[in-house]
Amino acid sequence: MRALEFEVRSGGTIRIDLEKCESCETKACVKMCNATGMGQILELKDGVPALKHSLEEVKRGACTEDLGCELDCELYGNRAIVITLPVSKLDDYLENSSEQPTYLREP
């Protein structure tokens, strides 16, 4: 798989499957990223998303981690983006909680 993968300030990663992007008609992630108030770190190069900034700049905070690119890609694109962000102390919370998270509950 040909992918664009980069680290963000929180310690998470963003991975974009560029093979899926080639056949995407909307390029929704790039449109969303460049909307006012968003990170504005993506641009189109050769028909696929590319970074406008260096990997170091993105990791230092150029990416606002707003998740808009992932959501719009999921809704209007080819589901090519996976964002993995750390959630500190989530495991401790879940272990000590009397309720199961929604994603683990029976339908």
N, C-alpha and C. Protein backbone atom coordinates (compact mmCIF):
# COMPACT_ATOMS: atom_id res chain seq x y z
N MET A 1 0.85 -1.18 0.00
CA MET A 1 0.00 0.00 0.00
C MET A 1 0.89 1.24 0.00
N ARG A 2 0.59 2.14 -0.89
CA ARG A 2 1.27 3.44 -0.93
C ARG A 2 0.51 4.37 0.01
N ALA A 3 1.20 4.95 0.98
CA ALA A 3 0.51 5.75 1.99
C ALA A 3 1.31 6.99 2.35
N LEU A 4 0.58 8.00 2.79
CA LEU A 4 1.16 9.18 3.41
C LEU A 4 0.89 9.03 4.89
N GLU A 5 1.95 8.92 5.69
CA GLU A 5 1.78 8.75 7.13
C GLU A 5 2.66 9.76 7.84
N PHE A 6 2.08 10.42 8.86
CA PHE A 6 2.85 11.41 9.59
C PHE A 6 2.37 11.49 11.03
N GLU A 7 3.29 11.93 11.89
CA GLU A 7 2.99 12.11 13.31
C GLU A 7 2.46 13.51 13.55
N VAL A 8 1.61 13.61 14.60
CA VAL A 8 1.05 14.90 14.99
C VAL A 8 1.45 15.22 16.42
N ARG A 9 1.19 16.43 16.83
CA ARG A 9 1.67 16.94 18.11
C ARG A 9 1.28 16.08 19.32
N SER A 10 0.09 15.53 19.32
CA SER A 10 -0.38 14.74 20.46
C SER A 10 0.36 13.43 20.63
N GLY A 11 1.15 13.05 19.62
CA GLY A 11 1.81 11.75 19.65
C GLY A 11 1.09 10.73 18.79
N GLY A 12 0.00 11.13 18.19
CA GLY A 12 -0.76 10.24 17.31
C GLY A 12 -0.21 10.25 15.90
N THR A 13 -0.88 9.49 15.04
CA THR A 13 -0.48 9.41 13.64
C THR A 13 -1.70 9.56 12.74
N ILE A 14 -1.44 10.04 11.54
CA ILE A 14 -2.45 10.10 10.49
C ILE A 14 -1.89 9.33 9.31
N ARG A 15 -2.70 8.38 8.81
CA ARG A 15 -2.29 7.57 7.66
C ARG A 15 -3.34 7.72 6.57
N ILE A 16 -2.88 8.10 5.38
CA ILE A 16 -3.77 8.26 4.24
C ILE A 16 -3.36 7.25 3.17
N ASP A 17 -4.28 6.38 2.80
CA ASP A 17 -4.05 5.36 1.77
C ASP A 17 -4.14 6.04 0.41
N LEU A 18 -3.00 6.34 -0.19
CA LEU A 18 -2.97 7.09 -1.44
C LEU A 18 -3.52 6.30 -2.62
N GLU A 19 -3.51 4.99 -2.53
CA GLU A 19 -4.11 4.17 -3.59
C GLU A 19 -5.61 4.40 -3.66
N LYS A 20 -6.26 4.51 -2.51
CA LYS A 20 -7.69 4.81 -2.49
C LYS A 20 -7.95 6.24 -2.98
N CYS A 21 -7.02 7.13 -2.70
CA CYS A 21 -7.18 8.54 -3.09
C CYS A 21 -7.16 8.72 -4.60
N GLU A 22 -6.41 7.88 -5.29
CA GLU A 22 -6.30 8.01 -6.74
C GLU A 22 -7.67 7.95 -7.42
N SER A 23 -8.56 7.11 -6.91
CA SER A 23 -9.88 6.96 -7.54
C SER A 23 -10.96 7.82 -6.87
N CYS A 24 -10.58 8.61 -5.87
CA CYS A 24 -11.55 9.46 -5.17
C CYS A 24 -11.91 10.64 -6.06
N GLU A 25 -13.19 10.84 -6.26
CA GLU A 25 -13.66 11.95 -7.10
C GLU A 25 -13.78 13.27 -6.34
N THR A 26 -14.00 13.20 -5.03
CA THR A 26 -14.29 14.42 -4.27
C THR A 26 -13.07 15.11 -3.69
N LYS A 27 -12.04 14.34 -3.35
CA LYS A 27 -10.86 14.88 -2.64
C LYS A 27 -11.34 15.65 -1.41
N ALA A 28 -12.32 15.08 -0.73
CA ALA A 28 -12.98 15.73 0.39
C ALA A 28 -12.02 16.10 1.52
N CYS A 29 -11.02 15.29 1.75
CA CYS A 29 -10.09 15.56 2.85
C CYS A 29 -9.32 16.86 2.61
N VAL A 30 -8.87 17.07 1.39
CA VAL A 30 -8.11 18.28 1.06
C VAL A 30 -9.01 19.50 1.16
N LYS A 31 -10.23 19.39 0.67
CA LYS A 31 -11.18 20.51 0.77
C LYS A 31 -11.43 20.88 2.22
N MET A 32 -11.67 19.87 3.06
CA MET A 32 -11.96 20.14 4.47
C MET A 32 -10.74 20.71 5.18
N CYS A 33 -9.57 20.15 4.93
CA CYS A 33 -8.36 20.62 5.59
C CYS A 33 -8.08 22.08 5.27
N ASN A 34 -8.47 22.53 4.09
CA ASN A 34 -8.19 23.90 3.68
C ASN A 34 -9.33 24.86 3.95
N ALA A 35 -10.38 24.39 4.60
CA ALA A 35 -11.48 25.28 4.99
C ALA A 35 -10.99 26.23 6.09
N THR A 36 -11.60 27.38 6.19
CA THR A 36 -11.24 28.37 7.20
C THR A 36 -11.30 27.76 8.59
N GLY A 37 -10.26 27.95 9.36
CA GLY A 37 -10.21 27.47 10.72
C GLY A 37 -9.68 26.05 10.87
N MET A 38 -9.42 25.39 9.79
CA MET A 38 -8.88 24.04 9.84
C MET A 38 -7.35 24.10 9.71
N GLY A 39 -6.72 22.94 9.72
CA GLY A 39 -5.26 22.87 9.74
C GLY A 39 -4.54 23.42 8.52
N GLN A 40 -5.15 23.27 7.36
CA GLN A 40 -4.60 23.74 6.10
C GLN A 40 -3.20 23.19 5.83
N ILE A 41 -3.04 21.88 6.05
CA ILE A 41 -1.73 21.25 5.81
C ILE A 41 -1.70 20.38 4.57
N LEU A 42 -2.87 20.09 3.98
CA LEU A 42 -2.91 19.21 2.81
C LEU A 42 -3.10 20.01 1.52
N GLU A 43 -2.51 19.48 0.46
CA GLU A 43 -2.71 20.00 -0.89
C GLU A 43 -2.73 18.81 -1.84
N LEU A 44 -3.20 19.04 -3.05
CA LEU A 44 -3.20 17.99 -4.06
C LEU A 44 -1.92 18.06 -4.87
N LYS A 45 -1.25 16.92 -5.00
CA LYS A 45 -0.07 16.79 -5.86
C LYS A 45 -0.25 15.51 -6.64
N ASP A 46 -0.25 15.61 -7.94
CA ASP A 46 -0.43 14.44 -8.81
C ASP A 46 -1.72 13.69 -8.49
N GLY A 47 -2.76 14.44 -8.10
CA GLY A 47 -4.08 13.86 -7.87
C GLY A 47 -4.30 13.21 -6.52
N VAL A 48 -3.32 13.30 -5.61
CA VAL A 48 -3.47 12.71 -4.27
C VAL A 48 -3.03 13.73 -3.21
N PRO A 49 -3.49 13.56 -1.97
CA PRO A 49 -3.09 14.48 -0.91
C PRO A 49 -1.58 14.42 -0.64
N ALA A 50 -1.02 15.58 -0.36
CA ALA A 50 0.38 15.71 0.02
C ALA A 50 0.47 16.80 1.09
N LEU A 51 1.54 16.78 1.85
CA LEU A 51 1.72 17.78 2.89
C LEU A 51 2.28 19.08 2.32
N LYS A 52 1.73 20.20 2.78
CA LYS A 52 2.25 21.52 2.42
C LYS A 52 3.48 21.87 3.25
N HIS A 53 3.61 21.23 4.41
CA HIS A 53 4.66 21.54 5.37
C HIS A 53 5.58 20.33 5.54
N SER A 54 6.72 20.54 6.17
CA SER A 54 7.63 19.43 6.45
C SER A 54 7.05 18.55 7.55
N LEU A 55 7.54 17.34 7.63
CA LEU A 55 7.09 16.42 8.69
C LEU A 55 7.34 17.01 10.07
N GLU A 56 8.45 17.72 10.23
CA GLU A 56 8.78 18.33 11.53
C GLU A 56 7.78 19.43 11.89
N GLU A 57 7.39 20.24 10.91
CA GLU A 57 6.42 21.31 11.17
C GLU A 57 5.06 20.73 11.53
N VAL A 58 4.67 19.67 10.84
CA VAL A 58 3.38 19.03 11.12
C VAL A 58 3.39 18.45 12.53
N LYS A 59 4.47 17.79 12.90
CA LYS A 59 4.58 17.18 14.23
C LYS A 59 4.61 18.25 15.33
N ARG A 60 5.16 19.41 15.03
CA ARG A 60 5.22 20.49 16.03
C ARG A 60 3.89 21.21 16.21
N GLY A 61 2.90 20.92 15.36
CA GLY A 61 1.60 21.52 15.57
C GLY A 61 0.95 22.15 14.36
N ALA A 62 1.56 22.05 13.16
CA ALA A 62 0.92 22.60 11.97
C ALA A 62 -0.43 21.92 11.72
N CYS A 63 -0.51 20.63 12.03
CA CYS A 63 -1.80 19.92 11.95
C CYS A 63 -2.55 20.18 13.25
N THR A 64 -3.77 20.68 13.14
CA THR A 64 -4.56 21.01 14.33
C THR A 64 -5.29 19.80 14.91
N GLU A 65 -5.17 18.65 14.26
CA GLU A 65 -5.81 17.42 14.74
C GLU A 65 -7.31 17.60 14.95
N ASP A 66 -7.94 18.31 14.04
CA ASP A 66 -9.37 18.59 14.15
C ASP A 66 -10.25 17.43 13.69
N LEU A 67 -9.68 16.43 13.04
CA LEU A 67 -10.35 15.22 12.57
C LEU A 67 -11.29 15.45 11.40
N GLY A 68 -11.36 16.66 10.89
CA GLY A 68 -12.25 16.98 9.77
C GLY A 68 -11.92 16.19 8.52
N CYS A 69 -10.63 16.00 8.26
CA CYS A 69 -10.24 15.26 7.05
C CYS A 69 -10.74 13.82 7.10
N GLU A 70 -10.60 13.19 8.26
CA GLU A 70 -11.06 11.81 8.39
C GLU A 70 -12.57 11.70 8.24
N LEU A 71 -13.30 12.60 8.87
CA LEU A 71 -14.76 12.57 8.81
C LEU A 71 -15.26 12.80 7.39
N ASP A 72 -14.73 13.82 6.71
CA ASP A 72 -15.20 14.08 5.35
C ASP A 72 -14.79 12.97 4.39
N CYS A 73 -13.62 12.38 4.59
CA CYS A 73 -13.21 11.25 3.75
C CYS A 73 -14.15 10.07 3.97
N GLU A 74 -14.55 9.86 5.21
CA GLU A 74 -15.48 8.77 5.54
C GLU A 74 -16.85 9.01 4.90
N LEU A 75 -17.34 10.25 4.97
CA LEU A 75 -18.67 10.56 4.47
C LEU A 75 -18.74 10.76 2.96
N TYR A 76 -17.73 11.42 2.38
CA TYR A 76 -17.81 11.83 0.98
C TYR A 76 -16.68 11.29 0.08
N GLY A 77 -15.68 10.68 0.68
CA GLY A 77 -14.54 10.20 -0.08
C GLY A 77 -14.47 8.68 -0.15
N ASN A 78 -13.27 8.16 -0.14
CA ASN A 78 -13.05 6.72 -0.30
C ASN A 78 -12.59 6.02 0.97
N ARG A 79 -12.86 6.63 2.12
CA ARG A 79 -12.50 6.02 3.41
C ARG A 79 -11.02 5.63 3.45
N ALA A 80 -10.18 6.60 3.14
CA ALA A 80 -8.75 6.34 3.01
C ALA A 80 -7.93 6.82 4.20
N ILE A 81 -8.55 7.44 5.19
CA ILE A 81 -7.80 8.05 6.29
C ILE A 81 -8.07 7.32 7.60
N VAL A 82 -6.98 7.06 8.32
CA VAL A 82 -7.07 6.51 9.67
C VAL A 82 -6.26 7.42 10.59
N ILE A 83 -6.93 7.98 11.57
CA ILE A 83 -6.26 8.82 12.56
C ILE A 83 -6.22 8.05 13.88
N THR A 84 -5.03 7.96 14.44
CA THR A 84 -4.84 7.29 15.72
C THR A 84 -4.30 8.32 16.70
N LEU A 85 -5.09 8.63 17.72
CA LEU A 85 -4.69 9.61 18.71
C LEU A 85 -4.67 8.98 20.09
N PRO A 86 -3.67 9.30 20.89
CA PRO A 86 -3.63 8.76 22.25
C PRO A 86 -4.69 9.42 23.13
N VAL A 87 -5.30 8.64 23.96
CA VAL A 87 -6.25 9.16 24.94
C VAL A 87 -5.73 8.73 26.30
N SER A 88 -5.04 9.66 26.96
CA SER A 88 -4.38 9.31 28.21
C SER A 88 -5.39 8.86 29.26
N LYS A 89 -5.03 7.85 29.95
CA LYS A 89 -5.80 7.29 31.07
C LYS A 89 -7.13 6.66 30.67
N LEU A 90 -7.40 6.49 29.38
CA LEU A 90 -8.65 5.87 28.96
C LEU A 90 -8.75 4.44 29.47
N ASP A 91 -7.68 3.66 29.34
CA ASP A 91 -7.71 2.27 29.80
C ASP A 91 -8.00 2.20 31.30
N ASP A 92 -7.38 3.08 32.10
CA ASP A 92 -7.65 3.11 33.54
C ASP A 92 -9.10 3.42 33.82
N TYR A 93 -9.64 4.40 33.10
CA TYR A 93 -11.04 4.78 33.29
C TYR A 93 -11.97 3.61 32.97
N LEU A 94 -11.75 2.97 31.83
CA LEU A 94 -12.61 1.86 31.43
C LEU A 94 -12.51 0.70 32.39
N GLU A 95 -11.33 0.45 32.90
CA GLU A 95 -11.13 -0.66 33.85
C GLU A 95 -11.89 -0.41 35.14
N ASN A 96 -12.01 0.83 35.56
CA ASN A 96 -12.67 1.17 36.82
C ASN A 96 -14.12 1.60 36.65
N SER A 97 -14.62 1.58 35.43
CA SER A 97 -15.99 2.00 35.17
C SER A 97 -16.94 0.80 35.28
N SER A 98 -18.14 1.06 35.74
CA SER A 98 -19.14 -0.02 35.83
C SER A 98 -19.87 -0.21 34.50
N GLU A 99 -19.71 0.72 33.57
CA GLU A 99 -20.37 0.62 32.26
C GLU A 99 -19.37 0.25 31.19
N GLN A 100 -19.87 -0.50 30.21
CA GLN A 100 -19.05 -0.82 29.05
C GLN A 100 -19.14 0.32 28.05
N PRO A 101 -18.04 0.61 27.34
CA PRO A 101 -18.13 1.62 26.29
C PRO A 101 -19.14 1.19 25.23
N THR A 102 -19.73 2.14 24.56
CA THR A 102 -20.75 1.86 23.54
C THR A 102 -20.27 0.88 22.51
N TYR A 103 -19.03 1.00 22.05
CA TYR A 103 -18.55 0.14 20.99
C TYR A 103 -18.37 -1.31 21.43
N LEU A 104 -18.42 -1.58 22.73
CA LEU A 104 -18.31 -2.96 23.23
C LEU A 104 -19.66 -3.55 23.64
N ARG A 105 -20.70 -2.74 23.64
CA ARG A 105 -22.02 -3.21 24.08
C ARG A 105 -22.68 -4.07 23.01
N GLU A 106 -23.50 -4.99 23.45
CA GLU A 106 -24.28 -5.83 22.53
C GLU A 106 -25.36 -4.97 21.90
N PRO A 107 -25.68 -5.18 20.61
CA PRO A 107 -26.72 -4.37 19.96
C PRO A 107 -28.11 -4.64 20.51
